């Protein structure tokens, strides 16, 4: 049975460098992005590409994935060895009368000793994998319980959210003690979307053209709350959420100069992108969000 890995989904080798992984992700994203690829299966393929990049771009997740691949290969080898050991060779021995000399038993051959050792090793590996799975389940349950306790503690100090808010992004989640607490909902009180998308409850300002802006958060390790601003227009046109290592496409934009104001939800940092000019010559634009943009005053 072939083991399907994230390296296969991203079309890179297990020894690929970080730069090779980023190049592969950008290439495949442009090839299979649902807005650029009419194939009905493009959305599913793009999800696999995003999952693969999420793991391989993170050194800790990549190391864990490499260990999983090694374990799967070792388990396959043990299973193959166990199957080989189930086929026993027999040797036909002529019948000897009671008066004949006693039949002397041959010692086990090296092949049989190897098969017995392989079966024994396979049983030990299976036992260790079972113990590891039990430990993993217990660890996740413990981590979930701790996270639930922390959530209750944070909610107890969470300031009341406003029902409607169309103002600029500010670092409003810093408590009087100077500690930032990640907000559990948007400023208007509605929950964050489960995937990248618009936030419920905010008005959406759509234009009359097919111009669009591809906002790429793949280089960022934090979820972001973002607003689309157009020069000469009071207040943000749209409010949206982009998950870490993900993207979102803003469509139906009128010609003009735009900026993206966004907040890093893991640390509270508020930033402003460079100016993006959208017109007949620049109908499809790409903006990469990252740390280190211009801080929001």
Protein backbone atom coordinates (compact mmCIF):
# COMPACT_ATOMS: atom_id res chain seq x y z
CA UNK A 1 0.00 0.00 0.00
CA UNK A 2 1.41 3.40 -1.01
CA UNK A 3 1.68 6.07 1.70
CA UNK A 4 0.27 9.41 0.49
CA UNK A 5 2.12 12.31 2.15
CA UNK A 6 2.00 16.10 2.12
CA UNK A 7 5.19 16.04 0.03
CA UNK A 8 3.25 14.20 -2.69
CA UNK A 9 0.36 16.70 -2.55
CA UNK A 10 2.78 19.64 -2.90
CA UNK A 11 4.88 17.85 -5.60
CA UNK A 12 8.18 18.20 -3.70
CA UNK A 13 10.70 15.70 -2.31
CA UNK A 14 11.10 15.04 1.44
CA UNK A 15 14.47 16.83 1.24
CA UNK A 16 12.98 20.02 -0.29
CA UNK A 17 14.12 23.33 1.19
CA UNK A 18 11.76 25.95 2.63
CA UNK A 19 12.18 28.07 -0.50
CA UNK A 20 11.32 25.11 -2.77
CA UNK A 21 8.20 24.44 -0.69
CA UNK A 22 7.08 28.09 -0.96
CA UNK A 23 7.67 28.14 -4.73
CA UNK A 24 5.69 24.91 -5.17
CA UNK A 25 2.80 26.29 -3.11
CA UNK A 26 2.63 29.54 -5.08
CA UNK A 27 2.76 27.68 -8.39
CA UNK A 28 0.02 25.20 -7.44
CA UNK A 29 -2.14 27.95 -5.86
CA UNK A 30 -2.22 29.87 -9.13
CA UNK A 31 -2.92 26.66 -11.07
CA UNK A 32 -5.76 25.31 -8.91
CA UNK A 33 -7.27 28.40 -7.28
CA UNK A 34 -11.08 28.03 -7.72
CA UNK A 35 -11.40 31.58 -9.00
CA UNK A 36 -8.82 30.92 -11.70
CA UNK A 37 -9.48 27.24 -12.48
CA UNK A 38 -13.01 26.29 -13.70
CA UNK A 39 -12.44 22.57 -12.97
CA UNK A 40 -15.09 21.27 -10.52
CA UNK A 41 -12.37 19.45 -8.57
CA UNK A 42 -10.14 22.55 -8.18
CA UNK A 43 -11.57 23.51 -4.78
CA UNK A 44 -10.83 20.06 -3.27
CA UNK A 45 -7.30 20.06 -4.73
CA UNK A 46 -6.69 23.58 -3.38
CA UNK A 47 -7.71 22.43 0.10
CA UNK A 48 -5.15 19.59 -0.07
CA UNK A 49 -2.48 22.04 -1.24
CA UNK A 50 -3.25 24.43 1.65
CA UNK A 51 -3.13 21.57 4.19
CA UNK A 52 0.20 20.36 2.80
CA UNK A 53 1.72 23.84 2.92
CA UNK A 54 0.41 24.41 6.45
CA UNK A 55 2.33 21.33 7.64
CA UNK A 56 5.52 21.62 5.56
CA UNK A 57 6.02 25.36 6.17
CA UNK A 58 6.01 24.79 9.94
CA UNK A 59 9.26 23.09 11.14
CA UNK A 60 7.57 21.41 14.12
CA UNK A 61 4.61 20.11 12.10
CA UNK A 62 6.95 18.97 9.32
CA UNK A 63 9.13 17.03 11.77
CA UNK A 64 6.03 15.36 13.21
CA UNK A 65 4.87 14.47 9.68
CA UNK A 66 8.30 12.96 8.88
CA UNK A 67 8.10 10.81 12.03
CA UNK A 68 4.64 9.63 10.99
CA UNK A 69 5.95 8.63 7.54
CA UNK A 70 8.81 6.66 9.12
CA UNK A 71 6.39 4.88 11.46
CA UNK A 72 4.08 3.96 8.58
CA UNK A 73 6.97 2.54 6.55
CA UNK A 74 8.23 0.51 9.51
CA UNK A 75 4.74 -0.84 10.12
CA UNK A 76 4.37 -1.84 6.46
CA UNK A 77 7.71 -3.65 6.54
CA UNK A 78 6.71 -5.52 9.68
CA UNK A 79 3.37 -6.51 8.16
CA UNK A 80 5.08 -7.73 4.99
CA UNK A 81 7.54 -9.74 7.05
CA UNK A 82 4.69 -11.28 9.05
CA UNK A 83 2.88 -12.28 5.85
CA UNK A 84 6.04 -13.89 4.48
CA UNK A 85 6.50 -15.85 7.68
CA UNK A 86 3.01 -17.39 7.35
CA UNK A 87 4.19 -19.48 4.36
CA UNK A 88 6.09 -22.46 5.80
CA UNK A 89 8.17 -24.81 3.65
CA UNK A 90 7.84 -28.55 4.18
CA UNK A 91 10.40 -31.23 3.34
CA UNK A 92 9.25 -34.76 2.46
CA UNK A 93 11.10 -37.33 4.63
CA UNK A 94 11.04 -41.06 3.73
CA UNK A 95 9.24 -43.31 6.21
CA UNK A 96 11.58 -45.14 8.57
CA UNK A 97 10.70 -48.38 10.28
CA UNK A 98 11.01 -48.67 14.06
CA UNK A 99 14.26 -50.55 13.61
CA UNK A 100 15.81 -47.67 11.70
CA UNK A 101 17.99 -45.15 13.44
CA UNK A 102 16.17 -42.38 15.26
CA UNK A 103 15.33 -39.44 13.07
CA UNK A 104 17.52 -36.49 13.95
CA UNK A 105 15.79 -33.11 13.88
CA UNK A 106 17.52 -30.45 11.85
CA UNK A 107 18.27 -27.14 13.55
CA UNK A 108 16.30 -24.12 12.38
CA UNK A 109 17.76 -22.45 9.30
CA UNK A 110 18.89 -18.83 9.28
CA UNK A 111 15.86 -17.94 7.17
CA UNK A 112 13.45 -19.36 9.75
CA UNK A 113 15.27 -17.61 12.57
CA UNK A 114 15.03 -14.34 10.63
CA UNK A 115 11.30 -14.80 10.03
CA UNK A 116 10.64 -15.56 13.70
CA UNK A 117 12.62 -12.48 14.71
CA UNK A 118 10.73 -10.33 12.18
CA UNK A 119 7.34 -11.52 13.47
CA UNK A 120 8.41 -10.85 17.04
CA UNK A 121 9.63 -7.36 16.08
CA UNK A 122 6.35 -6.68 14.28
CA UNK A 123 4.38 -7.57 17.40
CA UNK A 124 6.53 -5.26 19.52
CA UNK A 125 6.10 -2.39 17.03
CA UNK A 126 2.32 -2.91 16.96
CA UNK A 127 2.24 -2.84 20.76
CA UNK A 128 4.31 0.35 20.89
CA UNK A 129 2.07 2.03 18.29
CA UNK A 130 -0.99 1.09 20.29
CA UNK A 131 0.52 2.56 23.46
CA UNK A 132 1.48 5.71 21.56
CA UNK A 133 -2.07 6.15 20.26
CA UNK A 134 -3.47 5.78 23.79
CA UNK A 135 -0.96 8.37 25.05
CA UNK A 136 -1.79 10.73 22.16
CA UNK A 137 -5.54 10.52 22.84
CA UNK A 138 -4.98 11.18 26.57
CA UNK A 139 -2.66 14.14 25.83
CA UNK A 140 -5.19 15.73 23.45
CA UNK A 141 -7.98 15.30 25.99
CA UNK A 142 -5.83 16.91 28.69
CA UNK A 143 -4.90 19.79 26.37
CA UNK A 144 -8.58 20.30 25.50
CA UNK A 145 -9.53 20.47 29.19
CA UNK A 146 -6.78 23.03 29.87
CA UNK A 147 -7.86 25.13 26.86
CA UNK A 148 -11.47 25.09 28.08
CA UNK A 149 -10.35 26.32 31.52
CA UNK A 150 -8.25 29.07 29.97
CA UNK A 151 -11.18 30.12 27.76
CA UNK A 152 -13.43 30.51 30.80
CA UNK A 153 -10.78 32.60 32.55
CA UNK A 154 -10.29 34.86 29.54
CA UNK A 155 -14.03 35.30 28.94
CA UNK A 156 -14.39 36.47 32.53
CA UNK A 157 -12.15 39.47 31.65
CA UNK A 158 -13.38 39.97 28.05
CA UNK A 159 -14.85 43.46 27.53
CA UNK A 160 -18.37 43.69 26.18
CA UNK A 161 -18.40 43.69 22.34
CA UNK A 162 -20.27 46.37 20.42
CA UNK A 163 -23.20 45.24 18.28
CA UNK A 164 -22.20 47.44 15.33
CA UNK A 165 -18.78 48.88 14.47
CA UNK A 166 -17.61 50.39 11.19
CA UNK A 167 -14.56 52.26 12.58
CA UNK A 168 -10.93 51.58 11.77
CA UNK A 169 -9.10 48.68 13.38
CA UNK A 170 -7.55 49.54 16.74
CA UNK A 171 -5.77 47.56 19.44
CA UNK A 172 -8.86 47.59 21.70
CA UNK A 173 -8.23 44.20 23.27
CA UNK A 174 -5.34 45.30 25.51
CA UNK A 175 -6.46 45.22 29.14
CA UNK A 176 -5.62 47.76 31.82
CA UNK A 177 -2.75 45.53 32.92
CA UNK A 178 -1.16 45.80 29.45
CA UNK A 179 -1.88 42.17 28.51
CA UNK A 180 -3.34 41.46 25.08
CA UNK A 181 -6.24 38.99 24.99
CA UNK A 182 -7.23 37.56 21.61
CA UNK A 183 -10.87 38.53 20.94
CA UNK A 184 -13.33 35.64 20.64
CA UNK A 185 -15.62 37.63 18.34
CA UNK A 186 -15.56 40.47 15.82
CA UNK A 187 -16.03 44.07 17.09
CA UNK A 188 -19.74 43.87 16.23
CA UNK A 189 -20.17 40.85 18.51
CA UNK A 190 -20.58 38.23 15.79
CA UNK A 191 -18.27 35.17 15.87
CA UNK A 192 -15.29 34.81 13.56
CA UNK A 193 -16.03 32.70 10.46
CA UNK A 194 -14.78 29.10 10.61
CA UNK A 195 -13.00 29.71 7.29
CA UNK A 196 -11.73 32.81 5.51
CA UNK A 197 -14.70 34.99 4.59
CA UNK A 198 -16.80 38.07 5.30
CA UNK A 199 -17.95 38.75 8.88
CA UNK A 200 -21.70 38.63 9.44
CA UNK A 201 -23.45 41.86 10.40
CA UNK A 202 -21.30 44.32 8.44
CA UNK A 203 -22.48 46.03 5.23
CA UNK A 204 -20.71 45.00 2.03
CA UNK A 205 -19.80 47.64 -0.51
CA UNK A 206 -19.72 46.00 -3.95
CA UNK A 207 -18.79 47.78 -7.17
CA UNK A 208 -20.09 47.35 -10.70
CA UNK A 209 -16.97 45.86 -12.30
CA UNK A 210 -15.33 42.43 -12.27
CA UNK A 211 -12.04 43.75 -10.85
CA UNK A 212 -10.73 41.75 -7.90
CA UNK A 213 -8.02 41.66 -5.24
CA UNK A 214 -6.43 38.36 -4.08
CA UNK A 215 -5.40 38.81 -0.41
CA UNK A 216 -2.81 36.12 0.43
CA UNK A 217 -2.13 35.33 4.10
CA UNK A 218 0.02 32.25 3.33
CA UNK A 219 3.21 33.89 4.62
CA UNK A 220 1.60 34.81 7.93
CA UNK A 221 1.33 32.49 10.95
CA UNK A 222 -1.60 34.40 12.45
CA UNK A 223 -5.33 34.72 11.70
CA UNK A 224 -6.20 38.29 10.76
CA UNK A 225 -9.23 40.57 11.02
CA UNK A 226 -9.09 42.88 7.99
CA UNK A 227 -10.89 45.87 6.49
CA UNK A 228 -10.91 47.11 2.89
CA UNK A 229 -10.54 50.90 2.57
CA UNK A 230 -10.80 52.99 -0.59
CA UNK A 231 -9.23 56.41 -0.89
CA UNK A 232 -11.87 59.15 -0.80
CA UNK A 233 -14.49 56.93 0.91
CA UNK A 234 -15.35 57.41 4.59
CA UNK A 235 -15.20 54.18 6.56
CA UNK A 236 -14.25 50.65 5.52
CA UNK A 237 -16.05 49.07 2.56
CA UNK A 238 -15.81 45.48 3.83
CA UNK A 239 -14.91 43.54 6.99
CA UNK A 240 -13.46 40.06 6.58
CA UNK A 241 -11.47 37.31 8.32
CA UNK A 242 -8.52 35.35 6.86
CA UNK A 243 -7.19 32.24 8.59
CA UNK A 244 -3.45 31.73 8.98
CA UNK A 245 -1.71 30.26 5.90
CA UNK A 246 -4.87 30.96 3.88
CA UNK A 247 -6.26 33.55 1.43
CA UNK A 248 -9.41 35.46 0.47
CA UNK A 249 -10.54 37.06 -2.82
CA UNK A 250 -12.29 40.44 -2.82
CA UNK A 251 -14.44 40.68 -5.97
CA UNK A 252 -16.56 43.34 -7.74
CA UNK A 253 -14.24 46.27 -6.98
CA UNK A 254 -14.53 49.66 -8.63
CA UNK A 255 -11.43 51.40 -10.01
CA UNK A 256 -9.50 53.30 -7.36
CA UNK A 257 -6.72 53.23 -4.76
CA UNK A 258 -7.20 50.73 -1.93
CA UNK A 259 -5.46 49.68 1.29
CA UNK A 260 -5.99 46.77 3.65
CA UNK A 261 -5.99 47.53 7.38
CA UNK A 262 -5.65 44.38 9.43
CA UNK A 263 -5.01 43.09 12.93
CA UNK A 264 -2.84 40.08 13.81
CA UNK A 265 -5.25 38.21 16.10
CA UNK A 266 -2.52 36.21 17.84
CA UNK A 267 -0.69 39.30 19.15
CA UNK A 268 -2.97 42.30 18.51
CA UNK A 269 -0.59 44.10 16.14
CA UNK A 270 -2.47 46.44 13.77
CA UNK A 271 -0.99 47.08 10.31
CA UNK A 272 -1.68 48.82 7.00
CA UNK A 273 -0.72 47.40 3.61
CA UNK A 274 0.86 49.32 0.78
CA UNK A 275 -1.43 51.18 -1.64
CA UNK A 276 -3.08 49.00 -4.32
CA UNK A 277 -4.26 50.72 -7.50
CA UNK A 278 -7.06 48.93 -9.33
CA UNK A 279 -8.02 50.03 -12.83
CA UNK A 280 -8.50 48.70 -16.35
CA UNK A 281 -4.79 47.80 -16.57
CA UNK A 282 -4.73 46.13 -13.16
CA UNK A 283 -7.94 44.10 -12.98
CA UNK A 284 -6.53 41.21 -10.93
CA UNK A 285 -4.16 42.12 -8.12
CA UNK A 286 -2.39 40.07 -5.41
CA UNK A 287 -1.53 41.40 -1.95
CA UNK A 288 0.63 39.40 0.48
CA UNK A 289 -0.08 40.06 4.16
CA UNK A 290 2.86 39.72 6.52
CA UNK A 291 4.31 41.08 9.71
CA UNK A 292 6.32 44.26 9.46
CA UNK A 293 3.91 46.36 7.36
CA UNK A 294 3.29 49.99 8.26
CA UNK A 295 1.91 50.11 11.85
CA UNK A 296 -1.61 51.54 12.18
CA UNK A 297 -1.68 54.79 14.12
